[in-house]
Amino acid sequence: MSKQYHIYGIGAALVDTEITLSDADLAAMKVDKGVMTLVDEARQRELIAHLSDHLVASKKASGGSAANTIIAASYFGCNNVYSCKVADDENGQFYINDIKAAGVTYPAHITPPAGTTGKCLVMITPDAERTMNTYLGISETLSVDELDIAAIAQSEFAYIEGYLVTSPTGRAAAIALREHAEANNTRTALSLSDPAMVQFFRDGLVEMIGAGVDILFCNSDEAMGFTQTETIADAAEALKKFTKNFAITCGADGALLFDGSQLIQVAGNEVKAVDTNGAGDMFAGAFLYAIAQGKDYKTAGEFASLAASKVVSQFGPRLKAEQHKELLSHFKV
């Protein structure tokens, strides 16, 4: 590696609470299934109170889509930096300590201000679908002030979370990160993040992408929604206008990749899915790790597909540190 860091990421900082529930519960609470919905703190408290007997017994973990990706890549062996915004509260201190424990560098110039650290309520239905209601808290004011310009220049990749499109300052920070990366020969990658982001904030995502990124990550619904097409084949063709390369995840059917010259189909892995939360994040983290090691897209896609299959077979968006080592030992990247 010619640069100091493998990946520089930017995204929301959220502390997750995961709950299992039924489709009837979602309907009773008037929650839209399968997407991320922004809510205020009062609404989030109301939902948690309604579902108090559904809480999954699991320890807290630092969340947020890009954070999950950066932490996964770090556990695989990448040296990464993550820009986010937390408050000077208990959750904020926990969050910073948690990502540092995963080996991720938190920019030293950032001092958490007073406020409330963001929280995400992740609701899992029996079909393994994840539905998220998010209170961004202070993360909504993530801005260019949280960028470490020197670290961007010293990174192989810049990874941008599509969810930042909902915040004017967050979107500006994402654009600034892409521009600094482009000026310093740092490759750019962006995730479309969620079908709701594509549906309601498409113009903002186009602005974040600019003249084009090096790698775009999305699932099949996001790909078709963003390109306003009705088939994966048409979406794949249309995406070439926005990115040099891409990875479209297709759930149990694996993934469709484009390496700049050819389309590559990667098969899925047979597992019993219990929780799809974090599958796309893990795919991106494992994929970027493999690419950072100089592997081709087919190899990277197969490794990423395997890693994502492990995530969906258990609760939570992240794997334990030892599970990353096990994946590396079973699949030589």
Protein backbone atom coordinates (compact mmCIF):
# COMPACT_ATOMS: atom_id res chain seq x y z
CA MET A 1 0.00 0.00 0.00
CA SER A 2 1.46 3.33 -1.09
CA LYS A 3 -0.79 5.38 1.21
CA GLN A 4 -1.15 5.32 4.99
CA TYR A 5 -4.81 4.22 5.07
CA HIS A 6 -6.92 1.81 3.06
CA ILE A 7 -10.37 3.41 3.48
CA TYR A 8 -11.60 6.79 4.70
CA GLY A 9 -15.31 6.57 5.50
CA ILE A 10 -17.96 9.12 6.34
CA GLY A 11 -21.47 8.51 7.64
CA ALA A 12 -23.93 8.68 10.49
CA ALA A 13 -22.95 7.62 14.01
CA LEU A 14 -25.84 5.65 15.49
CA VAL A 15 -26.18 3.40 18.52
CA ASP A 16 -28.49 0.52 17.53
CA THR A 17 -31.32 -1.19 19.41
CA GLU A 18 -32.56 -4.31 17.64
CA ILE A 19 -36.07 -5.70 18.12
CA THR A 20 -37.87 -8.74 16.65
CA LEU A 21 -41.53 -8.29 15.85
CA SER A 22 -44.32 -9.27 13.45
CA ASP A 23 -45.71 -7.63 10.35
CA ALA A 24 -48.85 -6.99 12.41
CA ASP A 25 -46.76 -5.00 14.92
CA LEU A 26 -45.39 -2.81 12.12
CA ALA A 27 -48.89 -2.25 10.78
CA ALA A 28 -50.25 -1.40 14.23
CA MET A 29 -47.53 1.20 14.71
CA LYS A 30 -47.93 2.50 11.13
CA VAL A 31 -44.28 1.80 10.32
CA ASP A 32 -43.27 1.39 6.64
CA LYS A 33 -41.60 -2.00 6.23
CA GLY A 34 -38.18 -2.61 4.72
CA VAL A 35 -36.90 0.97 4.62
CA MET A 36 -35.17 3.49 6.85
CA THR A 37 -37.48 6.22 8.16
CA LEU A 38 -36.24 9.32 9.97
CA VAL A 39 -38.14 10.04 13.19
CA ASP A 40 -37.83 12.45 16.11
CA GLU A 41 -36.74 11.28 19.55
CA ALA A 42 -40.28 11.28 20.93
CA ARG A 43 -41.52 8.95 18.18
CA GLN A 44 -38.58 6.62 18.72
CA ARG A 45 -39.30 6.48 22.47
CA GLU A 46 -42.95 5.72 21.69
CA LEU A 47 -41.98 2.80 19.45
CA ILE A 48 -39.53 1.36 22.00
CA ALA A 49 -42.15 1.60 24.75
CA HIS A 50 -44.70 -0.17 22.54
CA LEU A 51 -42.19 -2.96 21.85
CA SER A 52 -40.58 -3.20 25.29
CA ASP A 53 -41.30 -6.94 25.53
CA HIS A 54 -39.72 -7.60 22.13
CA LEU A 55 -36.19 -6.42 22.91
CA VAL A 56 -33.44 -8.74 21.74
CA ALA A 57 -30.93 -9.39 24.51
CA SER A 58 -27.77 -8.09 22.89
CA LYS A 59 -25.07 -5.65 23.82
CA LYS A 60 -24.84 -2.19 22.30
CA ALA A 61 -22.73 -1.70 19.21
CA SER A 62 -21.74 1.34 17.22
CA GLY A 63 -23.86 1.42 14.10
CA GLY A 64 -24.62 3.43 11.02
CA SER A 65 -24.26 1.98 7.54
CA ALA A 66 -20.80 3.29 6.65
CA ALA A 67 -19.52 2.52 10.16
CA ASN A 68 -20.54 -1.12 9.73
CA THR A 69 -18.64 -1.23 6.43
CA ILE A 70 -15.53 0.47 7.79
CA ILE A 71 -15.45 -1.71 10.92
CA ALA A 72 -15.86 -4.91 8.87
CA ALA A 73 -13.00 -3.93 6.55
CA SER A 74 -10.90 -3.07 9.59
CA TYR A 75 -11.46 -6.49 11.17
CA PHE A 76 -10.45 -8.13 7.88
CA GLY A 77 -7.17 -6.24 8.00
CA CYS A 78 -7.59 -2.75 6.54
CA ASN A 79 -6.24 0.39 8.20
CA ASN A 80 -9.22 2.77 8.16
CA VAL A 81 -10.43 6.22 9.26
CA TYR A 82 -14.05 7.14 10.03
CA SER A 83 -15.54 10.63 10.17
CA CYS A 84 -18.84 11.01 12.00
CA LYS A 85 -20.41 13.21 14.67
CA VAL A 86 -21.37 12.12 18.17
CA ALA A 87 -22.38 14.14 21.22
CA ASP A 88 -20.57 14.48 24.51
CA ASP A 89 -22.88 11.96 26.20
CA GLU A 90 -22.69 8.33 27.33
CA ASN A 91 -23.61 6.93 23.92
CA GLY A 92 -21.12 9.21 22.20
CA GLN A 93 -18.23 8.08 24.37
CA PHE A 94 -19.28 4.47 23.91
CA TYR A 95 -19.41 4.96 20.15
CA ILE A 96 -15.90 6.41 19.86
CA ASN A 97 -14.45 3.73 22.15
CA ASP A 98 -16.20 0.99 20.16
CA ILE A 99 -14.88 2.00 16.75
CA LYS A 100 -11.39 2.52 18.17
CA ALA A 101 -11.57 -0.99 19.67
CA ALA A 102 -12.24 -2.26 16.15
CA GLY A 103 -9.00 -0.64 15.01
CA VAL A 104 -10.61 2.35 13.25
CA THR A 105 -8.97 5.78 13.55
CA TYR A 106 -11.26 8.59 14.74
CA PRO A 107 -10.01 12.03 13.57
CA ALA A 108 -8.12 13.59 16.47
CA HIS A 109 -9.32 17.15 15.77
CA ILE A 110 -12.99 16.32 16.48
CA THR A 111 -14.29 17.25 19.95
CA PRO A 112 -17.83 15.98 20.61
CA PRO A 113 -20.17 18.88 21.48
CA ALA A 114 -23.15 18.88 23.82
CA GLY A 115 -26.26 17.20 22.47
CA THR A 116 -27.69 13.73 21.88
CA THR A 117 -25.91 10.96 19.97
CA GLY A 118 -27.99 9.40 17.19
CA LYS A 119 -29.94 6.19 17.78
CA CYS A 120 -31.44 3.63 15.42
CA LEU A 121 -34.31 1.27 16.19
CA VAL A 122 -33.86 -1.81 13.99
CA MET A 123 -37.00 -3.95 13.67
CA ILE A 124 -36.66 -7.49 12.32
CA THR A 125 -39.68 -9.43 11.01
CA PRO A 126 -39.85 -13.26 10.67
CA ASP A 127 -38.93 -13.03 6.96
CA ALA A 128 -35.56 -11.53 8.09
CA GLU A 129 -36.39 -8.13 6.59
CA ARG A 130 -34.99 -5.15 8.47
CA THR A 131 -36.97 -1.96 9.03
CA MET A 132 -35.26 1.03 10.61
CA ASN A 133 -36.55 4.08 12.41
CA THR A 134 -33.69 6.48 13.01
CA TYR A 135 -33.30 9.51 15.25
CA LEU A 136 -30.18 11.18 13.87
CA GLY A 137 -29.59 13.40 16.90
CA ILE A 138 -26.41 15.40 16.53
CA SER A 139 -25.40 13.28 13.53
CA GLU A 140 -27.81 15.38 11.47
CA THR A 141 -25.31 18.26 11.75
CA LEU A 142 -22.32 16.26 10.47
CA SER A 143 -20.40 18.72 8.30
CA VAL A 144 -17.11 19.48 6.56
CA ASP A 145 -15.72 20.33 10.01
CA GLU A 146 -15.53 16.59 10.74
CA LEU A 147 -13.33 15.90 7.69
CA ASP A 148 -9.63 15.17 8.09
CA ILE A 149 -8.21 16.50 4.83
CA ALA A 150 -4.74 15.04 5.34
CA ALA A 151 -6.15 11.58 6.05
CA ILE A 152 -8.32 11.71 2.90
CA ALA A 153 -5.22 12.35 0.81
CA GLN A 154 -3.48 9.44 2.55
CA SER A 155 -6.28 6.95 1.84
CA GLU A 156 -6.63 4.47 -1.02
CA PHE A 157 -10.44 4.76 -0.97
CA ALA A 158 -13.03 7.27 0.21
CA TYR A 159 -16.32 5.58 1.14
CA ILE A 160 -19.51 7.69 1.29
CA GLU A 161 -22.78 6.68 2.93
CA GLY A 162 -25.84 7.55 0.86
CA TYR A 163 -27.90 8.29 3.97
CA LEU A 164 -25.99 11.59 4.27
CA VAL A 165 -28.20 12.92 1.47
CA THR A 166 -30.95 13.69 4.02
CA SER A 167 -28.85 16.33 5.80
CA PRO A 168 -27.81 19.54 3.98
CA THR A 169 -24.54 19.74 5.93
CA GLY A 170 -23.96 15.99 5.63
CA ARG A 171 -24.50 16.10 1.87
CA ALA A 172 -22.06 19.01 1.60
CA ALA A 173 -19.50 17.02 3.61
CA ALA A 174 -19.94 14.01 1.35
CA ILE A 175 -19.40 16.16 -1.74
CA ALA A 176 -16.33 17.80 -0.19
CA LEU A 177 -14.92 14.37 0.66
CA ARG A 178 -15.39 13.19 -2.93
CA GLU A 179 -13.75 16.34 -4.28
CA HIS A 180 -10.76 16.08 -1.93
CA ALA A 181 -10.41 12.41 -2.85
CA GLU A 182 -10.49 13.13 -6.57
CA ALA A 183 -7.82 15.81 -6.13
CA ASN A 184 -5.51 13.38 -4.34
CA ASN A 185 -5.84 10.22 -6.46
CA THR A 186 -7.99 8.58 -3.78
CA ARG A 187 -10.57 6.28 -5.37
CA THR A 188 -14.19 7.02 -4.49
CA ALA A 189 -16.97 4.64 -3.49
CA LEU A 190 -20.58 5.40 -2.58
CA SER A 191 -23.48 3.32 -1.30
CA LEU A 192 -27.06 4.22 -2.25
CA SER A 193 -27.95 2.90 1.23
CA ASP A 194 -31.72 2.42 1.08
CA PRO A 195 -34.66 2.35 -1.37
CA ALA A 196 -36.22 5.30 0.48
CA MET A 197 -33.10 7.42 -0.14
CA VAL A 198 -33.37 6.68 -3.85
CA GLN A 199 -37.10 7.39 -3.91
CA PHE A 200 -37.11 10.67 -2.02
CA PHE A 201 -33.57 12.08 -2.43
CA ARG A 202 -32.45 10.95 -5.89
CA ASP A 203 -31.38 14.44 -7.01
CA GLY A 204 -29.24 14.82 -3.90
CA LEU A 205 -27.57 11.47 -4.53
CA VAL A 206 -26.80 12.51 -8.10
CA GLU A 207 -25.20 15.67 -6.70
CA MET A 208 -23.12 13.58 -4.28
CA ILE A 209 -21.95 11.32 -7.12
CA GLY A 210 -20.94 14.29 -9.25
CA ALA A 211 -19.25 13.37 -12.53
CA GLY A 212 -19.02 9.78 -11.31
CA VAL A 213 -17.52 7.62 -8.58
CA ASP A 214 -15.12 4.70 -8.96
CA ILE A 215 -17.39 2.12 -7.29
CA LEU A 216 -21.11 2.31 -6.53
CA PHE A 217 -22.75 -0.17 -4.13
CA CYS A 218 -26.49 -0.81 -4.13
CA ASN A 219 -29.07 -3.57 -3.95
CA SER A 220 -31.37 -4.50 -6.83
CA ASP A 221 -34.28 -2.32 -5.64
CA GLU A 222 -31.99 0.69 -5.21
CA ALA A 223 -30.37 0.10 -8.60
CA MET A 224 -33.71 0.02 -10.44
CA GLY A 225 -35.14 2.92 -8.42
CA PHE A 226 -32.11 5.12 -8.94
CA THR A 227 -31.89 4.45 -12.69
CA GLN A 228 -35.69 4.48 -13.05
CA THR A 229 -35.66 1.12 -14.83
CA GLU A 230 -37.65 -2.08 -14.37
CA THR A 231 -35.02 -4.80 -14.80
CA ILE A 232 -31.59 -5.46 -13.32
CA ALA A 233 -30.11 -5.67 -16.82
CA ASP A 234 -31.41 -2.21 -17.72
CA ALA A 235 -30.32 -0.82 -14.34
CA ALA A 236 -26.81 -2.20 -14.82
CA GLU A 237 -26.50 -0.50 -18.18
CA ALA A 238 -27.84 2.81 -16.83
CA LEU A 239 -25.51 2.79 -13.80
CA LYS A 240 -22.49 3.05 -16.11
CA LYS A 241 -23.37 6.75 -16.53
CA PHE A 242 -22.77 7.35 -12.81
CA THR A 243 -19.86 5.09 -11.91
CA LYS A 244 -16.84 3.37 -13.43
CA ASN A 245 -17.57 0.12 -11.60
CA PHE A 246 -20.42 -1.20 -9.46
CA ALA A 247 -21.73 -3.99 -7.27
CA ILE A 248 -25.46 -4.73 -7.19
CA THR A 249 -26.38 -7.13 -4.38
CA CYS A 250 -29.32 -9.42 -5.14
CA GLY A 251 -30.00 -11.15 -1.82
CA ALA A 252 -30.01 -14.96 -2.06
CA ASP A 253 -29.17 -14.66 -5.78
CA GLY A 254 -25.72 -13.22 -5.04
CA ALA A 255 -24.51 -10.11 -6.82
CA LEU A 256 -24.00 -8.55 -10.23
CA LEU A 257 -20.68 -6.74 -10.63
CA PHE A 258 -19.19 -4.50 -13.29
CA ASP A 259 -15.41 -4.16 -13.31
CA GLY A 260 -15.24 -1.46 -15.95
CA SER A 261 -15.17 -3.86 -18.87
CA GLN A 262 -17.48 -6.80 -18.17
CA LEU A 263 -20.46 -7.85 -16.08
CA ILE A 264 -19.75 -10.60 -13.55
CA GLN A 265 -22.43 -12.70 -11.85
CA VAL A 266 -21.53 -13.92 -8.36
CA ALA A 267 -23.60 -16.76 -6.91
CA GLY A 268 -25.27 -16.48 -3.52
CA ASN A 269 -24.57 -18.74 -0.54
CA GLU A 270 -27.30 -20.99 0.85
CA VAL A 271 -28.06 -19.96 4.43
CA LYS A 272 -31.14 -19.54 6.59
CA ALA A 273 -31.53 -15.78 6.85
CA VAL A 274 -32.77 -14.45 10.19
CA ASP A 275 -31.76 -10.77 9.94
CA THR A 276 -30.80 -8.90 6.76
CA ASN A 277 -29.68 -5.80 8.69
CA GLY A 278 -26.09 -4.97 7.72
CA ALA A 279 -25.83 -7.42 4.81
CA GLY A 280 -25.08 -4.72 2.27
CA ASP A 281 -22.70 -2.98 4.66
CA MET A 282 -20.73 -6.19 5.17
CA PHE A 283 -20.69 -6.86 1.43
CA ALA A 284 -19.14 -3.44 0.81
CA GLY A 285 -16.59 -3.85 3.63
CA ALA A 286 -15.45 -7.29 2.49
CA PHE A 287 -15.41 -6.20 -1.15
CA LEU A 288 -13.30 -3.11 -0.50
CA TYR A 289 -10.92 -5.15 1.65
CA ALA A 290 -10.37 -7.62 -1.18
CA ILE A 291 -9.95 -4.86 -3.78
CA ALA A 292 -7.45 -3.13 -1.46
CA GLN A 293 -5.48 -6.37 -1.48
CA GLY A 294 -5.30 -6.17 -5.28
CA LYS A 295 -7.85 -8.91 -5.98
CA ASP A 296 -10.08 -8.93 -9.07
CA TYR A 297 -13.80 -8.20 -8.95
CA LYS A 298 -14.88 -11.84 -9.17
CA THR A 299 -12.70 -12.84 -6.21
CA ALA A 300 -13.78 -9.77 -4.24
CA GLY A 301 -17.45 -10.41 -5.02
CA GLU A 302 -17.29 -14.06 -3.95
CA PHE A 303 -15.61 -13.12 -0.68
CA ALA A 304 -18.11 -10.32 -0.05
CA SER A 305 -21.06 -12.60 -0.82
CA LEU A 306 -19.76 -15.19 1.64
CA ALA A 307 -19.26 -12.55 4.34
CA ALA A 308 -22.75 -11.12 3.82
CA SER A 309 -24.26 -14.61 4.10
CA LYS A 310 -22.69 -14.97 7.54
CA VAL A 311 -24.22 -11.67 8.70
CA VAL A 312 -27.77 -12.54 7.63
CA SER A 313 -27.60 -15.92 9.38
CA GLN A 314 -27.43 -14.25 12.81
CA PHE A 315 -28.89 -11.22 14.57
CA GLY A 316 -27.09 -7.90 14.33
CA PRO A 317 -25.31 -6.01 11.51
CA ARG A 318 -21.80 -7.00 12.55
CA LEU A 319 -19.71 -10.12 13.02
CA LYS A 320 -17.43 -10.81 15.97
CA ALA A 321 -13.71 -10.24 15.41
CA GLU A 322 -13.02 -13.97 15.37
CA GLN A 323 -15.67 -14.53 12.68
CA HIS A 324 -13.78 -12.25 10.34
CA LYS A 325 -10.64 -14.33 10.91
CA GLU A 326 -12.61 -17.50 10.22
CA LEU A 327 -13.88 -16.09 6.92
CA LEU A 328 -10.33 -15.20 5.90
CA SER A 329 -9.12 -18.71 6.72
CA HIS A 330 -11.89 -20.38 4.72
CA PHE A 331 -11.64 -18.07 1.75
CA LYS A 332 -8.15 -17.08 0.76
CA VAL A 333 -8.24 -13.47 -0.39
